[in-house]
Amino acid sequence: MKDIEYYLNLPYEIKLRRLAEDEGGGWLATIPDLPGCMSDGETPEEALVNVEDAKKCWVETCLEIGHSIPEPITNEYSGQLRIRIPKSLHRSLTERAKEENISLNQLIVYKLSQGGNLKPGK
């Protein structure tokens, strides 16, 4: 079972924004992957310290009551994508790639970069 230290050491994104005077002024720090997890402070540094305390309380509470805790969403992409397409489109794209003497992957990347026209015969 994952414990509090596991979650506290995950690289959650923290968003920081200045609060308007009608919002009380200062700074607000939020952790988008942990709904409702936020804190504020008079300075950005204070808001960041406070949101770490809020994260600890948020995680502790979820663990105590048995709620699942989302892990950070990564912004790293492998560059690989598996998709399912109709057989007729697959055939058409494969034939076009052969005509152009390029790989199917190269053709699809090219088509996507040109606006995504993947219709058969194009």
PDB file of N, CA and C in Angstrom:
ATOM      1  N   MET A   1       0.843  -1.192   0.000  1.00  0.00           N
ATOM      2  CA  MET A   1       0.000   0.000   0.000  1.00  0.00           C
ATOM      3  C   MET A   1       0.882   1.247   0.000  1.00  0.00           C
ATOM      4  N   LYS A   2       0.476   2.231  -0.763  1.00  0.00           N
ATOM      5  CA  LYS A   2       1.230   3.478  -0.846  1.00  0.00           C
ATOM      6  C   LYS A   2       0.936   4.321   0.391  1.00  0.00           C
ATOM      7  N   ASP A   3       1.993   4.855   0.994  1.00  0.00           N
ATOM      8  CA  ASP A   3       1.818   5.649   2.206  1.00  0.00           C
ATOM      9  C   ASP A   3       1.918   7.143   1.905  1.00  0.00           C
ATOM     10  N   ILE A   4       1.772   7.938   2.942  1.00  0.00           N
ATOM     11  CA  ILE A   4       1.768   9.391   2.773  1.00  0.00           C
ATOM     12  C   ILE A   4       3.065   9.898   2.161  1.00  0.00           C
ATOM     13  N   GLU A   5       4.192   9.320   2.561  1.00  0.00           N
ATOM     14  CA  GLU A   5       5.482   9.769   2.019  1.00  0.00           C
ATOM     15  C   GLU A   5       5.552   9.558   0.511  1.00  0.00           C
ATOM     16  N   TYR A   6       4.959   8.463   0.043  1.00  0.00           N
ATOM     17  CA  TYR A   6       4.937   8.198  -1.395  1.00  0.00           C
ATOM     18  C   TYR A   6       4.271   9.365  -2.123  1.00  0.00           C
ATOM     19  N   TYR A   7       3.077   9.738  -1.663  1.00  0.00           N
ATOM     20  CA  TYR A   7       2.324  10.799  -2.335  1.00  0.00           C
ATOM     21  C   TYR A   7       2.976  12.167  -2.165  1.00  0.00           C
ATOM     22  N   LEU A   8       3.550  12.440  -0.999  1.00  0.00           N
ATOM     23  CA  LEU A   8       4.169  13.744  -0.770  1.00  0.00           C
ATOM     24  C   LEU A   8       5.415  13.940  -1.627  1.00  0.00           C
ATOM     25  N   ASN A   9       6.015  12.859  -2.073  1.00  0.00           N
ATOM     26  CA  ASN A   9       7.218  12.964  -2.896  1.00  0.00           C
ATOM     27  C   ASN A   9       6.945  12.929  -4.398  1.00  0.00           C
ATOM     28  N   LEU A  10       5.676  12.804  -4.782  1.00  0.00           N
ATOM     29  CA  LEU A  10       5.343  12.826  -6.206  1.00  0.00           C
ATOM     30  C   LEU A  10       5.421  14.262  -6.731  1.00  0.00           C
ATOM     31  N   PRO A  11       5.784  14.429  -8.002  1.00  0.00           N
ATOM     32  CA  PRO A  11       5.964  15.780  -8.560  1.00  0.00           C
ATOM     33  C   PRO A  11       4.656  16.428  -9.034  1.00  0.00           C
ATOM     34  N   TYR A  12       3.789  16.769  -8.095  1.00  0.00           N
ATOM     35  CA  TYR A  12       2.540  17.436  -8.453  1.00  0.00           C
ATOM     36  C   TYR A  12       2.835  18.849  -8.951  1.00  0.00           C
ATOM     37  N   GLU A  13       2.138  19.248 -10.013  1.00  0.00           N
ATOM     38  CA  GLU A  13       2.257  20.611 -10.520  1.00  0.00           C
ATOM     39  C   GLU A  13       1.551  21.551  -9.548  1.00  0.00           C
ATOM     40  N   ILE A  14       2.177  22.681  -9.281  1.00  0.00           N
ATOM     41  CA  ILE A  14       1.575  23.714  -8.439  1.00  0.00           C
ATOM     42  C   ILE A  14       1.382  24.949  -9.304  1.00  0.00           C
ATOM     43  N   LYS A  15       0.168  25.482  -9.299  1.00  0.00           N
ATOM     44  CA  LYS A  15      -0.115  26.720 -10.031  1.00  0.00           C
ATOM     45  C   LYS A  15      -0.193  27.855  -9.020  1.00  0.00           C
ATOM     46  N   LEU A  16       0.409  28.960  -9.381  1.00  0.00           N
ATOM     47  CA  LEU A  16       0.491  30.111  -8.493  1.00  0.00           C
ATOM     48  C   LEU A  16      -0.066  31.321  -9.219  1.00  0.00           C
ATOM     49  N   ARG A  17      -0.934  32.067  -8.537  1.00  0.00           N
ATOM     50  CA  ARG A  17      -1.448  33.298  -9.151  1.00  0.00           C
ATOM     51  C   ARG A  17      -1.673  34.360  -8.093  1.00  0.00           C
ATOM     52  N   ARG A  18      -1.518  35.594  -8.542  1.00  0.00           N
ATOM     53  CA  ARG A  18      -1.748  36.734  -7.656  1.00  0.00           C
ATOM     54  C   ARG A  18      -3.256  36.906  -7.470  1.00  0.00           C
ATOM     55  N   LEU A  19      -3.663  37.149  -6.236  1.00  0.00           N
ATOM     56  CA  LEU A  19      -5.071  37.393  -5.938  1.00  0.00           C
ATOM     57  C   LEU A  19      -5.366  38.884  -6.049  1.00  0.00           C
ATOM     58  N   ALA A  20      -6.506  39.210  -6.637  1.00  0.00           N
ATOM     59  CA  ALA A  20      -6.938  40.604  -6.721  1.00  0.00           C
ATOM     60  C   ALA A  20      -7.290  41.100  -5.323  1.00  0.00           C
ATOM     61  N   GLU A  21      -7.293  42.391  -5.172  1.00  0.00           N
ATOM     62  CA  GLU A  21      -7.624  42.978  -3.864  1.00  0.00           C
ATOM     63  C   GLU A  21      -9.014  42.549  -3.392  1.00  0.00           C
ATOM     64  N   ASP A  22      -9.983  42.450  -4.329  1.00  0.00           N
ATOM     65  CA  ASP A  22     -11.329  42.035  -3.919  1.00  0.00           C
ATOM     66  C   ASP A  22     -11.387  40.552  -3.548  1.00  0.00           C
ATOM     67  N   GLU A  23     -10.309  39.805  -3.820  1.00  0.00           N
ATOM     68  CA  GLU A  23     -10.202  38.406  -3.397  1.00  0.00           C
ATOM     69  C   GLU A  23      -9.390  38.284  -2.114  1.00  0.00           C
ATOM     70  N   GLY A  24      -8.960  39.409  -1.596  1.00  0.00           N
ATOM     71  CA  GLY A  24      -8.195  39.406  -0.351  1.00  0.00           C
ATOM     72  C   GLY A  24      -6.720  39.702  -0.525  1.00  0.00           C
ATOM     73  N   GLY A  25      -6.266  39.814  -1.772  1.00  0.00           N
ATOM     74  CA  GLY A  25      -4.860  40.104  -2.033  1.00  0.00           C
ATOM     75  C   GLY A  25      -3.971  38.905  -1.749  1.00  0.00           C
ATOM     76  N   GLY A  26      -2.691  39.078  -1.969  1.00  0.00           N
ATOM     77  CA  GLY A  26      -1.736  38.002  -1.740  1.00  0.00           C
ATOM     78  C   GLY A  26      -1.642  37.070  -2.933  1.00  0.00           C
ATOM     79  N   TRP A  27      -1.313  35.808  -2.638  1.00  0.00           N
ATOM     80  CA  TRP A  27      -1.081  34.810  -3.675  1.00  0.00           C
ATOM     81  C   TRP A  27      -1.832  33.525  -3.368  1.00  0.00           C
ATOM     82  N   LEU A  28      -2.289  32.846  -4.414  1.00  0.00           N
ATOM     83  CA  LEU A  28      -2.993  31.577  -4.272  1.00  0.00           C
ATOM     84  C   LEU A  28      -2.177  30.492  -4.963  1.00  0.00           C
ATOM     85  N   ALA A  29      -1.944  29.398  -4.264  1.00  0.00           N
ATOM     86  CA  ALA A  29      -1.266  28.231  -4.837  1.00  0.00           C
ATOM     87  C   ALA A  29      -2.259  27.073  -4.854  1.00  0.00           C
ATOM     88  N   THR A  30      -2.385  26.424  -5.997  1.00  0.00           N
ATOM     89  CA  THR A  30      -3.296  25.284  -6.130  1.00  0.00           C
ATOM     90  C   THR A  30      -2.546  24.096  -6.727  1.00  0.00           C
ATOM     91  N   ILE A  31      -3.060  22.898  -6.444  1.00  0.00           N
ATOM     92  CA  ILE A  31      -2.529  21.671  -7.041  1.00  0.00           C
ATOM     93  C   ILE A  31      -3.673  21.073  -7.856  1.00  0.00           C
ATOM     94  N   PRO A  32      -3.696  21.341  -9.169  1.00  0.00           N
ATOM     95  CA  PRO A  32      -4.823  20.925 -10.011  1.00  0.00           C
ATOM     96  C   PRO A  32      -5.144  19.433  -9.968  1.00  0.00           C
ATOM     97  N   ASP A  33      -4.136  18.583  -9.787  1.00  0.00           N
ATOM     98  CA  ASP A  33      -4.378  17.137  -9.759  1.00  0.00           C
ATOM     99  C   ASP A  33      -5.046  16.671  -8.471  1.00  0.00           C
ATOM    100  N   LEU A  34      -5.076  17.540  -7.450  1.00  0.00           N
ATOM    101  CA  LEU A  34      -5.715  17.212  -6.168  1.00  0.00           C
ATOM    102  C   LEU A  34      -6.869  18.198  -5.972  1.00  0.00           C
ATOM    103  N   PRO A  35      -8.056  17.858  -6.430  1.00  0.00           N
ATOM    104  CA  PRO A  35      -9.186  18.791  -6.405  1.00  0.00           C
ATOM    105  C   PRO A  35      -9.417  19.422  -5.034  1.00  0.00           C
ATOM    106  N   GLY A  36      -9.450  20.747  -5.021  1.00  0.00           N
ATOM    107  CA  GLY A  36      -9.704  21.481  -3.788  1.00  0.00           C
ATOM    108  C   GLY A  36      -8.473  21.721  -2.943  1.00  0.00           C
ATOM    109  N   CYS A  37      -7.329  21.214  -3.359  1.00  0.00           N
ATOM    110  CA  CYS A  37      -6.099  21.395  -2.580  1.00  0.00           C
ATOM    111  C   CYS A  37      -5.478  22.731  -2.963  1.00  0.00           C
ATOM    112  N   MET A  38      -5.519  23.663  -2.017  1.00  0.00           N
ATOM    113  CA  MET A  38      -5.011  25.008  -2.277  1.00  0.00           C
ATOM    114  C   MET A  38      -4.678  25.697  -0.974  1.00  0.00           C
ATOM    115  N   SER A  39      -3.911  26.759  -1.089  1.00  0.00           N
ATOM    116  CA  SER A  39      -3.625  27.606   0.060  1.00  0.00           C
ATOM    117  C   SER A  39      -3.161  28.951  -0.467  1.00  0.00           C
ATOM    118  N   ASP A  40      -3.087  29.914   0.427  1.00  0.00           N
ATOM    119  CA  ASP A  40      -2.647  31.236  -0.001  1.00  0.00           C
ATOM    120  C   ASP A  40      -1.563  31.759   0.927  1.00  0.00           C
ATOM    121  N   GLY A  41      -1.068  32.924   0.597  1.00  0.00           N
ATOM    122  CA  GLY A  41      -0.054  33.568   1.412  1.00  0.00           C
ATOM    123  C   GLY A  41       0.136  34.998   0.958  1.00  0.00           C
ATOM    124  N   GLU A  42       0.810  35.777   1.778  1.00  0.00           N
ATOM    125  CA  GLU A  42       1.072  37.173   1.426  1.00  0.00           C
ATOM    126  C   GLU A  42       2.084  37.276   0.286  1.00  0.00           C
ATOM    127  N   THR A  43       2.978  36.302   0.189  1.00  0.00           N
ATOM    128  CA  THR A  43       3.996  36.279  -0.859  1.00  0.00           C
ATOM    129  C   THR A  43       3.890  34.953  -1.615  1.00  0.00           C
ATOM    130  N   PRO A  44       4.488  34.886  -2.805  1.00  0.00           N
ATOM    131  CA  PRO A  44       4.485  33.607  -3.521  1.00  0.00           C
ATOM    132  C   PRO A  44       5.148  32.503  -2.703  1.00  0.00           C
ATOM    133  N   GLU A  45       6.246  32.835  -2.033  1.00  0.00           N
ATOM    134  CA  GLU A  45       6.962  31.848  -1.231  1.00  0.00           C
ATOM    135  C   GLU A  45       6.093  31.313  -0.097  1.00  0.00           C
ATOM    136  N   GLU A  46       5.367  32.207   0.555  1.00  0.00           N
ATOM    137  CA  GLU A  46       4.489  31.791   1.655  1.00  0.00           C
ATOM    138  C   GLU A  46       3.358  30.903   1.134  1.00  0.00           C
ATOM    139  N   ALA A  47       2.802  31.258  -0.012  1.00  0.00           N
ATOM    140  CA  ALA A  47       1.729  30.443  -0.595  1.00  0.00           C
ATOM    141  C   ALA A  47       2.243  29.047  -0.947  1.00  0.00           C
ATOM    142  N   LEU A  48       3.474  28.957  -1.446  1.00  0.00           N
ATOM    143  CA  LEU A  48       4.049  27.654  -1.798  1.00  0.00           C
ATOM    144  C   LEU A  48       4.296  26.793  -0.565  1.00  0.00           C
ATOM    145  N   VAL A  49       4.780  27.402   0.506  1.00  0.00           N
ATOM    146  CA  VAL A  49       4.977  26.656   1.758  1.00  0.00           C
ATOM    147  C   VAL A  49       3.626  26.182   2.281  1.00  0.00           C
ATOM    148  N   ASN A  50       2.642  27.069   2.253  1.00  0.00           N
ATOM    149  CA  ASN A  50       1.317  26.733   2.778  1.00  0.00           C
ATOM    150  C   ASN A  50       0.620  25.646   1.959  1.00  0.00           C
ATOM    151  N   VAL A  51       0.823  25.650   0.638  1.00  0.00           N
ATOM    152  CA  VAL A  51       0.158  24.627  -0.176  1.00  0.00           C
ATOM    153  C   VAL A  51       0.784  23.252   0.071  1.00  0.00           C
ATOM    154  N   GLU A  52       2.048  23.211   0.466  1.00  0.00           N
ATOM    155  CA  GLU A  52       2.655  21.924   0.831  1.00  0.00           C
ATOM    156  C   GLU A  52       1.987  21.366   2.088  1.00  0.00           C
ATOM    157  N   ASP A  53       1.683  22.241   3.052  1.00  0.00           N
ATOM    158  CA  ASP A  53       0.945  21.810   4.249  1.00  0.00           C
ATOM    159  C   ASP A  53      -0.455  21.333   3.870  1.00  0.00           C
ATOM    160  N   ALA A  54      -1.094  22.080   2.960  1.00  0.00           N
ATOM    161  CA  ALA A  54      -2.437  21.698   2.513  1.00  0.00           C
ATOM    162  C   ALA A  54      -2.405  20.346   1.809  1.00  0.00           C
ATOM    163  N   LYS A  55      -1.361  20.109   1.004  1.00  0.00           N
ATOM    164  CA  LYS A  55      -1.227  18.823   0.302  1.00  0.00           C
ATOM    165  C   LYS A  55      -1.107  17.684   1.309  1.00  0.00           C
ATOM    166  N   LYS A  56      -0.310  17.904   2.348  1.00  0.00           N
ATOM    167  CA  LYS A  56      -0.140  16.863   3.364  1.00  0.00           C
ATOM    168  C   LYS A  56      -1.480  16.545   4.026  1.00  0.00           C
ATOM    169  N   CYS A  57      -2.225  17.577   4.404  1.00  0.00           N
ATOM    170  CA  CYS A  57      -3.543  17.365   5.028  1.00  0.00           C
ATOM    171  C   CYS A  57      -4.503  16.683   4.059  1.00  0.00           C
ATOM    172  N   TRP A  58      -4.471  17.094   2.795  1.00  0.00           N
ATOM    173  CA  TRP A  58      -5.351  16.533   1.770  1.00  0.00           C
ATOM    174  C   TRP A  58      -5.090  15.039   1.632  1.00  0.00           C
ATOM    175  N   VAL A  59      -3.811  14.671   1.507  1.00  0.00           N
ATOM    176  CA  VAL A  59      -3.435  13.263   1.337  1.00  0.00           C
ATOM    177  C   VAL A  59      -3.769  12.460   2.593  1.00  0.00           C
ATOM    178  N   GLU A  60      -3.447  12.999   3.765  1.00  0.00           N
ATOM    179  CA  GLU A  60      -3.748  12.301   5.025  1.00  0.00           C
ATOM    180  C   GLU A  60      -5.231  11.998   5.138  1.00  0.00           C
ATOM    181  N   THR A  61      -6.052  12.991   4.818  1.00  0.00           N
ATOM    182  CA  THR A  61      -7.504  12.815   4.909  1.00  0.00           C
ATOM    183  C   THR A  61      -7.978  11.722   3.954  1.00  0.00           C
ATOM    184  N   CYS A  62      -7.496  11.749   2.721  1.00  0.00           N
ATOM    185  CA  CYS A  62      -7.894  10.719   1.749  1.00  0.00           C
ATOM    186  C   CYS A  62      -7.483   9.332   2.213  1.00  0.00           C
ATOM    187  N   LEU A  63      -6.277   9.213   2.747  1.00  0.00           N
ATOM    188  CA  LEU A  63      -5.818   7.910   3.236  1.00  0.00           C
ATOM    189  C   LEU A  63      -6.674   7.431   4.408  1.00  0.00           C
ATOM    190  N   GLU A  64      -7.020   8.353   5.310  1.00  0.00           N
ATOM    191  CA  GLU A  64      -7.821   7.992   6.487  1.00  0.00           C
ATOM    192  C   GLU A  64      -9.216   7.507   6.113  1.00  0.00           C
ATOM    193  N   ILE A  65      -9.828   8.159   5.129  1.00  0.00           N
ATOM    194  CA  ILE A  65     -11.207   7.794   4.789  1.00  0.00           C
ATOM    195  C   ILE A  65     -11.292   6.816   3.617  1.00  0.00           C
ATOM    196  N   GLY A  66     -10.142   6.436   3.079  1.00  0.00           N
ATOM    197  CA  GLY A  66     -10.120   5.429   2.028  1.00  0.00           C
ATOM    198  C   GLY A  66     -10.415   5.920   0.629  1.00  0.00           C
ATOM    199  N   HIS A  67     -10.293   7.216   0.392  1.00  0.00           N
ATOM    200  CA  HIS A  67     -10.495   7.743  -0.965  1.00  0.00           C
ATOM    201  C   HIS A  67      -9.233   7.546  -1.791  1.00  0.00           C
ATOM    202  N   SER A  68      -9.423   7.350  -3.073  1.00  0.00           N
ATOM    203  CA  SER A  68      -8.256   7.209  -3.945  1.00  0.00           C
ATOM    204  C   SER A  68      -7.590   8.570  -4.123  1.00  0.00           C
ATOM    205  N   ILE A  69      -6.288   8.527  -4.326  1.00  0.00           N
ATOM    206  CA  ILE A  69      -5.505   9.750  -4.489  1.00  0.00           C
ATOM    207  C   ILE A  69      -4.932   9.741  -5.900  1.00  0.00           C
ATOM    208  N   PRO A  70      -5.311  10.732  -6.708  1.00  0.00           N
ATOM    209  CA  PRO A  70      -4.779  10.758  -8.071  1.00  0.00           C
ATOM    210  C   PRO A  70      -3.286  11.065  -8.074  1.00  0.00           C
ATOM    211  N   GLU A  71      -2.583  10.417  -8.977  1.00  0.00           N
ATOM    212  CA  GLU A  71      -1.162  10.711  -9.126  1.00  0.00           C
ATOM    213  C   GLU A  71      -1.012  11.806 -10.179  1.00  0.00           C
ATOM    214  N   PRO A  72       0.113  12.497 -10.165  1.00  0.00           N
ATOM    215  CA  PRO A  72       0.291  13.615 -11.105  1.00  0.00           C
ATOM    216  C   PRO A  72       0.130  13.176 -12.553  1.00  0.00           C
ATOM    217  N   ILE A  73      -0.460  14.059 -13.319  1.00  0.00           N
ATOM    218  CA  ILE A  73      -0.578  13.830 -14.754  1.00  0.00           C
ATOM    219  C   ILE A  73       0.729  14.292 -15.380  1.00  0.00           C
ATOM    220  N   THR A  74       1.328  13.434 -16.137  1.00  0.00           N
ATOM    221  CA  THR A  74       2.610  13.776 -16.745  1.00  0.00           C
ATOM    222  C   THR A  74       2.412  14.531 -18.047  1.00  0.00           C
ATOM    223  N   ASN A  75       3.311  15.435 -18.319  1.00  0.00           N
ATOM    224  CA  ASN A  75       3.285  16.166 -19.579  1.00  0.00           C
ATOM    225  C   ASN A  75       4.369  15.660 -20.522  1.00  0.00           C
ATOM    226  N   GLU A  76       4.889  14.486 -20.222  1.00  0.00           N
ATOM    227  CA  GLU A  76       5.888  13.887 -21.093  1.00  0.00           C
ATOM    228  C   GLU A  76       5.169  12.918 -22.025  1.00  0.00           C
ATOM    229  N   TYR A  77       5.506  12.999 -23.292  1.00  0.00           N
ATOM    230  CA  TYR A  77       4.847  12.162 -24.281  1.00  0.00           C
ATOM    231  C   TYR A  77       5.886  11.315 -25.002  1.00  0.00           C
ATOM    232  N   SER A  78       5.550  10.078 -25.271  1.00  0.00           N
ATOM    233  CA  SER A  78       6.493   9.153 -25.902  1.00  0.00           C
ATOM    234  C   SER A  78       6.619   9.385 -27.399  1.00  0.00           C
ATOM    235  N   GLY A  79       5.636  10.041 -27.995  1.00  0.00           N
ATOM    236  CA  GLY A  79       5.638  10.186 -29.445  1.00  0.00           C
ATOM    237  C   GLY A  79       5.003   8.993 -30.142  1.00  0.00           C
ATOM    238  N   GLN A  80       4.461   8.081 -29.356  1.00  0.00           N
ATOM    239  CA  GLN A  80       3.797   6.910 -29.922  1.00  0.00           C
ATOM    240  C   GLN A  80       2.303   7.002 -29.629  1.00  0.00           C
ATOM    241  N   LEU A  81       1.517   6.570 -30.606  1.00  0.00           N
ATOM    242  CA  LEU A  81       0.065   6.626 -30.475  1.00  0.00           C
ATOM    243  C   LEU A  81      -0.520   5.418 -31.188  1.00  0.00           C
ATOM    244  N   ARG A  82      -1.320   4.650 -30.473  1.00  0.00           N
ATOM    245  CA  ARG A  82      -2.010   3.505 -31.095  1.00  0.00           C
ATOM    246  C   ARG A  82      -3.441   3.908 -31.355  1.00  0.00           C
ATOM    247  N   ILE A  83      -3.863   3.731 -32.592  1.00  0.00           N
ATOM    248  CA  ILE A  83      -5.248   4.058 -32.935  1.00  0.00           C
ATOM    249  C   ILE A  83      -5.843   2.921 -33.756  1.00  0.00           C
ATOM    250  N   ARG A  84      -7.154   2.878 -33.779  1.00  0.00           N
ATOM    251  CA  ARG A  84      -7.859   1.925 -34.634  1.00  0.00           C
ATOM    252  C   ARG A  84      -8.552   2.745 -35.719  1.00  0.00           C
ATOM    253  N   ILE A  85      -8.408   2.277 -36.946  1.00  0.00           N
ATOM    254  CA  ILE A  85      -9.037   2.956 -38.078  1.00  0.00           C
ATOM    255  C   ILE A  85      -9.752   1.911 -38.929  1.00  0.00           C
ATOM    256  N   PRO A  86     -10.703   2.339 -39.748  1.00  0.00           N
ATOM    257  CA  PRO A  86     -11.391   1.387 -40.620  1.00  0.00           C
ATOM    258  C   PRO A  86     -10.395   0.705 -41.569  1.00  0.00           C
ATOM    259  N   LYS A  87     -10.686  -0.544 -41.897  1.00  0.00           N
ATOM    260  CA  LYS A  87      -9.804  -1.309 -42.788  1.00  0.00           C
ATOM    261  C   LYS A  87      -9.614  -0.596 -44.126  1.00  0.00           C
ATOM    262  N   SER A  88     -10.688  -0.001 -44.634  1.00  0.00           N
ATOM    263  CA  SER A  88     -10.589   0.680 -45.936  1.00  0.00           C
ATOM    264  C   SER A  88      -9.637   1.875 -45.869  1.00  0.00           C
ATOM    265  N   LEU A  89      -9.660   2.602 -44.780  1.00  0.00           N
ATOM    266  CA  LEU A  89      -8.746   3.735 -44.617  1.00  0.00           C
ATOM    267  C   LEU A  89      -7.310   3.239 -44.467  1.00  0.00           C
ATOM    268  N   HIS A  90      -7.131   2.174 -43.715  1.00  0.00           N
ATOM    269  CA  HIS A  90      -5.803   1.582 -43.544  1.00  0.00           C
ATOM    270  C   HIS A  90      -5.229   1.183 -44.911  1.00  0.00           C
ATOM    271  N   ARG A  91      -6.057   0.509 -45.698  1.00  0.00           N
ATOM    272  CA  ARG A  91      -5.627   0.074 -47.032  1.00  0.00           C
ATOM    273  C   ARG A  91      -5.269   1.282 -47.899  1.00  0.00           C
ATOM    274  N   SER A  92      -6.134   2.280 -47.914  1.00  0.00           N
ATOM    275  CA  SER A  92      -5.906   3.467 -48.735  1.00  0.00           C
ATOM    276  C   SER A  92      -4.615   4.190 -48.343  1.00  0.00           C
ATOM    277  N   LEU A  93      -4.396   4.333 -47.057  1.00  0.00           N
ATOM    278  CA  LEU A  93      -3.182   5.006 -46.588  1.00  0.00           C
ATOM    279  C   LEU A  93      -1.934   4.194 -46.922  1.00  0.00           C
ATOM    280  N   THR A  94      -2.022   2.877 -46.762  1.00  0.00           N
ATOM    281  CA  THR A  94      -0.885   2.009 -47.075  1.00  0.00           C
ATOM    282  C   THR A  94      -0.540   2.090 -48.559  1.00  0.00           C
ATOM    283  N   GLU A  95      -1.565   2.066 -49.412  1.00  0.00           N
ATOM    284  CA  GLU A  95      -1.335   2.166 -50.856  1.00  0.00           C
ATOM    285  C   GLU A  95      -0.698   3.505 -51.213  1.00  0.00           C
ATOM    286  N   ARG A  96      -1.183   4.578 -50.593  1.00  0.00           N
ATOM    287  CA  ARG A  96      -0.627   5.914 -50.868  1.00  0.00           C
ATOM    288  C   ARG A  96       0.825   6.000 -50.414  1.00  0.00           C
ATOM    289  N   ALA A  97       1.129   5.413 -49.263  1.00  0.00           N
ATOM    290  CA  ALA A  97       2.510   5.421 -48.765  1.00  0.00           C
ATOM    291  C   ALA A  97       3.427   4.678 -49.737  1.00  0.00           C
ATOM    292  N   LYS A  98       2.949   3.544 -50.272  1.00  0.00           N
ATOM    293  CA  LYS A  98       3.750   2.788 -51.250  1.00  0.00           C
ATOM    294  C   LYS A  98       3.984   3.619 -52.508  1.00  0.00           C
ATOM    295  N   GLU A  99       2.944   4.317 -52.980  1.00  0.00           N
ATOM    296  CA  GLU A  99       3.071   5.178 -54.163  1.00  0.00           C
ATOM    297  C   GLU A  99       4.134   6.253 -53.946  1.00  0.00           C
ATOM    298  N   GLU A 100       4.176   6.787 -52.744  1.00  0.00           N
ATOM    299  CA  GLU A 100       5.114   7.867 -52.411  1.00  0.00           C
ATOM    300  C   GLU A 100       6.482   7.327 -51.995  1.00  0.00           C
ATOM    301  N   ASN A 101       6.596   6.005 -51.881  1.00  0.00           N
ATOM    302  CA  ASN A 101       7.836   5.351 -51.449  1.00  0.00           C
ATOM    303  C   ASN A 101       8.283   5.827 -50.052  1.00  0.00           C
ATOM    304  N   ILE A 102       7.295   5.926 -49.164  1.00  0.00           N
ATOM    305  CA  ILE A 102       7.563   6.288 -47.768  1.00  0.00           C
ATOM    306  C   ILE A 102       6.818   5.311 -46.865  1.00  0.00           C
ATOM    307  N   SER A 103       7.159   5.326 -45.591  1.00  0.00           N
ATOM    308  CA  SER A 103       6.472   4.431 -44.652  1.00  0.00           C
ATOM    309  C   SER A 103       5.069   4.954 -44.364  1.00  0.00           C
ATOM    310  N   LEU A 104       4.222   4.058 -43.916  1.00  0.00           N
ATOM    311  CA  LEU A 104       2.870   4.450 -43.508  1.00  0.00           C
ATOM    312  C   LEU A 104       2.947   5.495 -42.396  1.00  0.00           C
ATOM    313  N   ASN A 105       3.848   5.289 -41.453  1.00  0.00           N
ATOM    314  CA  ASN A 105       4.023   6.236 -40.358  1.00  0.00           C
ATOM    315  C   ASN A 105       4.391   7.625 -40.893  1.00  0.00           C
ATOM    316  N   GLN A 106       5.334   7.696 -41.835  1.00  0.00           N
ATOM    317  CA  GLN A 106       5.737   8.983 -42.403  1.00  0.00           C
ATOM    318  C   GLN A 106       4.565   9.671 -43.097  1.00  0.00           C
ATOM    319  N   LEU A 107       3.769   8.898 -43.823  1.00  0.00           N
ATOM    320  CA  LEU A 107       2.621   9.470 -44.519  1.00  0.00           C
ATOM    321  C   LEU A 107       1.628  10.061 -43.522  1.00  0.00           C
ATOM    322  N   ILE A 108       1.316   9.314 -42.477  1.00  0.00           N
ATOM    323  CA  ILE A 108       0.339   9.792 -41.493  1.00  0.00           C
ATOM    324  C   ILE A 108       0.861  11.038 -40.781  1.00  0.00           C
ATOM    325  N   VAL A 109       2.131  11.041 -40.395  1.00  0.00           N
ATOM    326  CA  VAL A 109       2.710  12.228 -39.746  1.00  0.00           C
ATOM    327  C   VAL A 109       2.630  13.421 -40.687  1.00  0.00           C
ATOM    328  N   TYR A 110       2.969  13.217 -41.959  1.00  0.00           N
ATOM    329  CA  TYR A 110       2.898  14.298 -42.938  1.00  0.00           C
ATOM    330  C   TYR A 110       1.465  14.818 -43.071  1.00  0.00           C
ATOM    331  N   LYS A 111       0.519  13.896 -43.239  1.00  0.00           N
ATOM    332  CA  LYS A 111      -0.881  14.302 -43.404  1.00  0.00           C
ATOM    333  C   LYS A 111      -1.382  15.082 -42.185  1.00  0.00           C
ATOM    334  N   LEU A 112      -1.040  14.604 -40.997  1.00  0.00           N
ATOM    335  CA  LEU A 112      -1.465  15.313 -39.784  1.00  0.00           C
ATOM    336  C   LEU A 112      -0.853  16.706 -39.729  1.00  0.00           C
ATOM    337  N   SER A 113       0.401  16.820 -40.122  1.00  0.00           N
ATOM    338  CA  SER A 113       1.063  18.124 -40.082  1.00  0.00           C
ATOM    339  C   SER A 113       0.482  19.085 -41.117  1.00  0.00           C
ATOM    340  N   GLN A 114      -0.180  18.557 -42.141  1.00  0.00           N
ATOM    341  CA  GLN A 114      -0.777  19.377 -43.192  1.00  0.00           C
ATOM    342  C   GLN A 114      -2.265  19.628 -42.969  1.00  0.00           C
ATOM    343  N   GLY A 115      -2.750  19.377 -41.782  1.00  0.00           N
ATOM    344  CA  GLY A 115      -4.143  19.665 -41.490  1.00  0.00           C
ATOM    345  C   GLY A 115      -4.990  18.439 -41.253  1.00  0.00           C
ATOM    346  N   GLY A 116      -4.389  17.276 -41.270  1.00  0.00           N
ATOM    347  CA  GLY A 116      -5.106  16.072 -40.884  1.00  0.00           C
ATOM    348  C   GLY A 116      -5.977  15.452 -41.946  1.00  0.00           C
ATOM    349  N   ASN A 117      -5.791  15.768 -43.230  1.00  0.00           N
ATOM    350  CA  ASN A 117      -6.627  15.185 -44.272  1.00  0.00           C
ATOM    351  C   ASN A 117      -6.219  13.733 -44.504  1.00  0.00           C
ATOM    352  N   LEU A 118      -6.903  12.811 -43.837  1.00  0.00           N
ATOM    353  CA  LEU A 118      -6.593  11.390 -43.960  1.00  0.00           C
ATOM    354  C   LEU A 118      -7.645  10.640 -44.771  1.00  0.00           C
ATOM    355  N   LYS A 119      -8.495  11.361 -45.485  1.00  0.00           N
ATOM    356  CA  LYS A 119      -9.558  10.708 -46.242  1.00  0.00           C
ATOM    357  C   LYS A 119      -8.962   9.864 -47.366  1.00  0.00           C
ATOM    358  N   PRO A 120      -9.591   8.725 -47.650  1.00  0.00           N
ATOM    359  CA  PRO A 120      -9.092   7.879 -48.737  1.00  0.00           C
ATOM    360  C   PRO A 120      -8.990   8.669 -50.039  1.00  0.00           C
ATOM    361  N   GLY A 121      -7.921   8.400 -50.788  1.00  0.00           N
ATOM    362  CA  GLY A 121      -7.750   9.043 -52.085  1.00  0.00           C
ATOM    363  C   GLY A 121      -7.135  10.425 -52.021  1.00  0.00           C
ATOM    364  N   LYS A 122      -6.814  10.902 -50.859  1.00  0.00           N
ATOM    365  CA  LYS A 122      -6.224  12.247 -50.735  1.00  0.00           C
ATOM    366  C   LYS A 122      -4.755  12.147 -50.447  1.00  0.00           C
TER     367      LYS A 122
END
